[in-house]
Protein backbone atom coordinates (compact mmCIF):
# COMPACT_ATOMS: atom_id res chain seq x y z
CA UNK A 1 -46.00 73.89 -84.17
CA UNK A 2 -45.37 70.13 -83.94
CA UNK A 3 -43.90 69.98 -87.44
CA UNK A 4 -41.79 73.04 -86.78
CA UNK A 5 -40.28 71.40 -83.74
CA UNK A 6 -39.66 68.09 -85.59
CA UNK A 7 -37.87 69.88 -88.42
CA UNK A 8 -35.83 72.00 -86.01
CA UNK A 9 -34.85 68.91 -84.02
CA UNK A 10 -33.87 66.99 -87.18
CA UNK A 11 -31.85 69.89 -88.60
CA UNK A 12 -29.98 70.44 -85.37
CA UNK A 13 -29.06 66.76 -85.25
CA UNK A 14 -27.73 66.73 -88.84
CA UNK A 15 -25.77 69.93 -88.62
CA UNK A 16 -24.24 68.96 -85.23
CA UNK A 17 -23.07 65.55 -86.26
CA UNK A 18 -21.47 66.75 -89.54
CA UNK A 19 -19.48 69.36 -87.68
CA UNK A 20 -17.92 66.94 -85.23
CA UNK A 21 -15.60 65.18 -87.60
CA UNK A 22 -14.09 68.56 -88.61
CA UNK A 23 -13.57 69.51 -84.97
CA UNK A 24 -11.72 66.25 -84.27
CA UNK A 25 -9.49 66.66 -87.33
CA UNK A 26 -8.58 70.21 -86.30
CA UNK A 27 -7.83 69.25 -82.74
CA UNK A 28 -5.71 66.24 -83.82
CA UNK A 29 -3.67 68.27 -86.30
CA UNK A 30 -3.02 70.94 -83.67
CA UNK A 31 -2.04 68.28 -81.15
CA UNK A 32 0.46 66.68 -83.56
CA UNK A 33 1.94 70.03 -84.56
CA UNK A 34 2.47 71.18 -80.97
CA UNK A 35 2.90 68.34 -78.43
CA UNK A 36 2.72 64.96 -80.23
CA UNK A 37 3.79 63.08 -77.08
CA UNK A 38 0.74 64.28 -75.07
CA UNK A 39 -2.70 63.37 -76.41
CA UNK A 40 -4.53 66.45 -75.12
CA UNK A 41 -6.78 66.48 -78.24
CA UNK A 42 -8.33 63.26 -76.91
CA UNK A 43 -9.41 64.91 -73.69
CA UNK A 44 -10.71 67.96 -75.54
CA UNK A 45 -12.66 65.79 -77.98
CA UNK A 46 -14.13 63.76 -75.13
CA UNK A 47 -15.70 66.99 -73.86
CA UNK A 48 -17.02 67.80 -77.35
CA UNK A 49 -18.61 64.42 -77.68
CA UNK A 50 -20.23 64.65 -74.27
CA UNK A 51 -21.64 68.06 -75.15
CA UNK A 52 -22.88 66.82 -78.53
CA UNK A 53 -24.56 63.74 -77.05
CA UNK A 54 -26.21 65.78 -74.31
CA UNK A 55 -27.50 68.39 -76.78
CA UNK A 56 -28.83 65.81 -79.23
CA UNK A 57 -30.36 64.02 -76.29
CA UNK A 58 -32.56 67.10 -75.46
CA UNK A 59 -30.47 69.23 -73.11
CA UNK A 60 -29.94 72.99 -73.31
CA UNK A 61 -31.30 75.65 -75.62
CA UNK A 62 -33.60 75.77 -77.57
CA UNK A 63 -35.76 74.05 -74.92
CA UNK A 64 -38.74 73.89 -77.18
CA UNK A 65 -36.98 71.26 -79.36
CA UNK A 66 -35.59 69.29 -76.35
CA UNK A 67 -38.22 66.49 -76.39
CA UNK A 68 -37.95 66.13 -80.16
CA UNK A 69 -34.17 65.88 -80.00
CA UNK A 70 -34.37 63.31 -77.19
CA UNK A 71 -36.79 61.20 -79.29
CA UNK A 72 -34.77 61.42 -82.44
CA UNK A 73 -31.54 60.37 -80.68
CA UNK A 74 -33.31 57.44 -78.98
CA UNK A 75 -30.50 56.82 -76.58
CA UNK A 76 -32.73 55.24 -73.90
CA UNK A 77 -31.57 52.41 -71.71
CA UNK A 78 -32.28 48.81 -72.72
CA UNK A 79 -32.67 45.82 -70.46
CA UNK A 80 -29.70 43.62 -69.64
CA UNK A 81 -30.84 40.59 -71.81
CA UNK A 82 -31.59 42.82 -74.84
CA UNK A 83 -28.28 44.66 -74.51
CA UNK A 84 -26.35 41.38 -74.19
CA UNK A 85 -27.99 39.82 -77.21
CA UNK A 86 -27.61 43.05 -79.19
CA UNK A 87 -23.90 43.19 -78.41
CA UNK A 88 -23.54 39.50 -79.24
CA UNK A 89 -25.31 39.84 -82.57
CA UNK A 90 -23.23 42.93 -83.41
CA UNK A 91 -19.93 41.37 -82.38
CA UNK A 92 -20.56 38.19 -84.39
CA UNK A 93 -21.47 40.30 -87.40
CA UNK A 94 -18.24 42.38 -87.06
CA UNK A 95 -16.13 39.18 -87.12
CA UNK A 96 -18.10 37.97 -90.21
CA UNK A 97 -17.67 41.34 -91.96
CA UNK A 98 -13.91 41.34 -91.18
CA UNK A 99 -13.63 37.99 -92.96
CA UNK A 100 -15.78 39.22 -95.85
CA UNK A 101 -13.61 42.36 -96.31
CA UNK A 102 -10.41 40.24 -96.53
CA UNK A 103 -12.04 37.76 -98.95
CA UNK A 104 -13.26 40.57 -101.23
CA UNK A 105 -9.89 42.31 -101.06
CA UNK A 106 -8.27 39.16 -102.46
CA UNK A 107 -10.90 38.73 -105.17
CA UNK A 108 -11.13 42.31 -106.44
CA UNK A 109 -8.36 44.92 -106.72
CA UNK A 110 -9.33 47.78 -104.38
CA UNK A 111 -7.53 50.81 -103.10
CA UNK A 112 -8.51 50.14 -99.48
CA UNK A 113 -8.09 52.57 -96.62
CA UNK A 114 -5.05 54.80 -96.27
CA UNK A 115 -3.49 53.93 -92.92
CA UNK A 116 -1.05 56.54 -91.47
CA UNK A 117 2.34 55.35 -90.37
CA UNK A 118 2.17 55.73 -86.60
CA UNK A 119 5.62 54.32 -85.74
CA UNK A 120 7.04 57.74 -85.02
CA UNK A 121 4.51 58.55 -82.34
CA UNK A 122 4.54 57.35 -78.70
CA UNK A 123 2.41 54.25 -78.00
CA UNK A 124 0.14 56.14 -75.56
CA UNK A 125 -0.59 58.73 -78.30
CA UNK A 126 -1.42 56.01 -80.86
CA UNK A 127 -3.66 54.01 -78.53
CA UNK A 128 -5.54 57.16 -77.32
CA UNK A 129 -6.01 58.55 -80.84
CA UNK A 130 -7.24 55.23 -82.28
CA UNK A 131 -9.72 54.84 -79.41
CA UNK A 132 -11.00 58.37 -79.73
CA UNK A 133 -11.18 58.14 -83.59
CA UNK A 134 -13.35 55.04 -83.16
CA UNK A 135 -15.56 56.79 -80.66
CA UNK A 136 -16.00 59.92 -82.80
CA UNK A 137 -17.08 57.97 -85.85
CA UNK A 138 -19.36 55.60 -83.91
CA UNK A 139 -21.06 58.31 -81.80
CA UNK A 140 -21.51 60.73 -84.67
CA UNK A 141 -22.79 58.14 -87.14
CA UNK A 142 -25.06 56.35 -84.73
CA UNK A 143 -26.55 59.62 -83.55
CA UNK A 144 -26.93 61.10 -87.00
CA UNK A 145 -27.79 58.09 -89.12
CA UNK A 146 -29.31 55.40 -86.90
CA UNK A 147 -30.79 58.01 -84.59
CA UNK A 148 -32.04 61.18 -86.31
CA UNK A 149 -32.14 60.03 -89.93
CA UNK A 150 -33.53 56.55 -89.45
CA UNK A 151 -36.02 57.66 -86.78
CA UNK A 152 -37.40 60.20 -89.28
CA UNK A 153 -37.73 57.43 -91.91
CA UNK A 154 -39.43 55.09 -89.47
CA UNK A 155 -42.24 57.63 -89.07
CA UNK A 156 -43.04 57.18 -92.79
CA UNK A 157 -41.96 53.58 -93.55
CA UNK A 158 -42.02 50.22 -91.78
CA UNK A 159 -38.86 49.47 -89.72
CA UNK A 160 -37.16 47.06 -92.12
CA UNK A 161 -37.75 49.45 -95.00
CA UNK A 162 -36.30 52.37 -93.05
CA UNK A 163 -33.24 50.33 -92.23
CA UNK A 164 -32.63 49.39 -95.88
CA UNK A 165 -33.23 52.96 -97.15
CA UNK A 166 -30.86 54.37 -94.64
CA UNK A 167 -28.14 51.84 -95.58
CA UNK A 168 -28.68 52.42 -99.33
CA UNK A 169 -28.25 56.17 -98.91
CA UNK A 170 -25.23 56.03 -96.56
CA UNK A 171 -23.16 53.17 -98.00
CA UNK A 172 -22.06 54.89 -101.26
CA UNK A 173 -20.63 57.81 -99.29
CA UNK A 174 -17.71 55.62 -98.25
CA UNK A 175 -16.71 55.45 -101.86
CA UNK A 176 -15.39 59.05 -101.59
CA UNK A 177 -12.32 57.78 -99.67
CA UNK A 178 -12.24 54.04 -100.70
CA UNK A 179 -13.33 54.04 -104.30
CA UNK A 180 -16.78 53.45 -105.87
CA UNK A 181 -16.32 49.73 -106.30
CA UNK A 182 -19.14 47.21 -105.82
CA UNK A 183 -17.32 45.34 -103.00
CA UNK A 184 -16.82 48.50 -101.05
CA UNK A 185 -20.47 49.63 -101.46
CA UNK A 186 -21.73 46.10 -100.64
CA UNK A 187 -19.57 45.87 -97.56
CA UNK A 188 -20.72 49.20 -96.18
CA UNK A 189 -24.36 48.48 -97.02
CA UNK A 190 -24.12 45.33 -94.85
CA UNK A 191 -22.42 47.29 -92.08
CA UNK A 192 -25.05 49.98 -92.11
CA UNK A 193 -27.90 47.50 -92.40
CA UNK A 194 -26.53 45.58 -89.37
CA UNK A 195 -26.19 48.72 -87.20
CA UNK A 196 -29.61 50.00 -88.42
CA UNK A 197 -31.21 46.71 -87.39
CA UNK A 198 -29.65 46.97 -83.94
CA UNK A 199 -31.06 50.43 -83.45
CA UNK A 200 -34.50 49.38 -84.74
CA UNK A 201 -34.81 46.25 -82.64
CA UNK A 202 -33.50 47.73 -79.37
CA UNK A 203 -35.14 51.12 -79.91
CA UNK A 204 -31.80 52.61 -78.81
CA UNK A 205 -28.57 53.80 -80.44
CA UNK A 206 -26.50 52.87 -77.35
CA UNK A 207 -25.75 49.24 -78.28
CA UNK A 208 -24.79 50.29 -81.78
CA UNK A 209 -22.31 52.81 -80.49
CA UNK A 210 -20.44 50.11 -78.58
CA UNK A 211 -20.49 47.61 -81.51
CA UNK A 212 -19.54 50.31 -84.00
CA UNK A 213 -16.55 51.49 -81.86
CA UNK A 214 -15.24 47.97 -81.30
CA UNK A 215 -15.60 47.18 -85.01
CA UNK A 216 -13.64 50.26 -85.94
CA UNK A 217 -10.86 49.36 -83.46
CA UNK A 218 -10.62 45.90 -84.97
CA UNK A 219 -10.41 47.27 -88.54
CA UNK A 220 -8.10 50.12 -87.60
CA UNK A 221 -5.73 47.81 -85.73
CA UNK A 222 -5.80 44.45 -87.50
CA UNK A 223 -7.59 44.59 -90.89
CA UNK A 224 -6.86 47.72 -92.86
CA UNK A 225 -3.11 47.90 -92.03
CA UNK A 226 -2.66 44.48 -93.68
CA UNK A 227 -4.51 45.32 -96.91
CA UNK A 228 -1.37 46.48 -98.66
CA UNK A 229 0.13 43.02 -98.24
CA UNK A 230 -2.82 41.06 -99.61
CA UNK A 231 -2.46 39.47 -103.02
CA UNK A 232 -5.24 38.69 -105.47
CA UNK A 233 -5.91 34.87 -105.59
CA UNK A 234 -5.91 35.14 -109.42
CA UNK A 235 -2.15 35.61 -109.29
CA UNK A 236 -1.03 33.92 -106.09
CA UNK A 237 -3.70 31.23 -105.79
CA UNK A 238 -6.20 30.57 -103.03
CA UNK A 239 -4.05 29.71 -100.01
CA UNK A 240 -5.18 28.28 -96.65
CA UNK A 241 -5.71 31.74 -95.15
CA UNK A 242 -8.11 32.65 -97.92
CA UNK A 243 -10.32 29.69 -97.16
CA UNK A 244 -10.08 30.34 -93.43
CA UNK A 245 -11.46 33.84 -94.06
CA UNK A 246 -14.22 32.41 -96.26
CA UNK A 247 -15.29 30.10 -93.41
CA UNK A 248 -14.96 32.98 -90.97
CA UNK A 249 -17.30 35.18 -93.09
CA UNK A 250 -19.91 32.45 -93.58
CA UNK A 251 -19.84 30.80 -90.13
CA UNK A 252 -20.05 34.06 -88.11
CA UNK A 253 -22.70 35.40 -90.48
CA UNK A 254 -24.87 32.40 -89.62
CA UNK A 255 -24.23 32.78 -85.91
CA UNK A 256 -24.98 36.54 -86.20
CA UNK A 257 -28.27 35.89 -87.94
CA UNK A 258 -29.28 33.41 -85.18
CA UNK A 259 -28.41 36.02 -82.54
CA UNK A 260 -30.46 38.69 -84.36
CA UNK A 261 -33.43 36.37 -84.63
CA UNK A 262 -33.27 35.75 -80.89
CA UNK A 263 -32.86 39.49 -80.28
CA UNK A 264 -35.96 40.19 -82.39
CA UNK A 265 -37.99 37.70 -80.36
CA UNK A 266 -36.69 39.14 -77.09
CA UNK A 267 -37.43 42.70 -78.12
CA UNK A 268 -40.87 42.03 -79.54
CA UNK A 269 -43.54 43.82 -77.51
CA UNK A 270 -45.42 41.38 -75.26
CA UNK A 271 -49.20 41.30 -75.63
CA UNK A 272 -50.97 42.30 -72.39
CA UNK A 273 -52.31 39.35 -70.45
CA UNK A 274 -56.14 39.06 -70.65
CA UNK A 275 -58.07 38.84 -67.48
CA UNK A 276 -59.68 35.49 -66.78
CA UNK A 277 -63.49 35.51 -66.73
């Protein structure tokens, strides 16, 4: 019975998270086709995300799998200090990864992300859609990958191994839309490993959702739209901005590692105090 519940909980998490992206795409296309000035799809998707998070967190039928779903999502609260250091470690890593992406884009010819021209849409629509797109991806991926998938692996492997295996299996999937090039796979492996480490150390997917969403907003708004203007250094030379981004990638990586080390010490279970004789 225990194995049956575990498999049912894991399957429900995987199927639910994979469906969410399709729902968001359908809602957004319908919104653009009918009333592009009113972002009603954002409100509708917010309800879908709340329902998904609640279900994966153990609510509603089938009740026999509720506890398993709650454990697999691992969306429990974390203490203030742990949440603060988790957010700091994640934010520093995002800044480093942004610099790394720009550096690699100027070293290797890559297709990059296709960014839709949003100039014909009202500003409120653009802001609302970008925010919701970031939330959809972060909630779905943290719940499905760092929650259900990684938790299942952690029951068979040590935490660091589970983090690496999860990242190795997920990172190549981004090549479907961005090309199967080594810089792309390496970049997303580092992203997934960072988010997996956050979930493992904090025993919660909540900090990762926030870091993931902010990271996507930064890339959607400031990094990916500029990719089409970047030139390979082999033709244009390594200008000042190239070296600034090199320093950005290295410096913030070091700061991020320091923050992660502190987070690991903070999150380490404390040994019970022994009674004095």
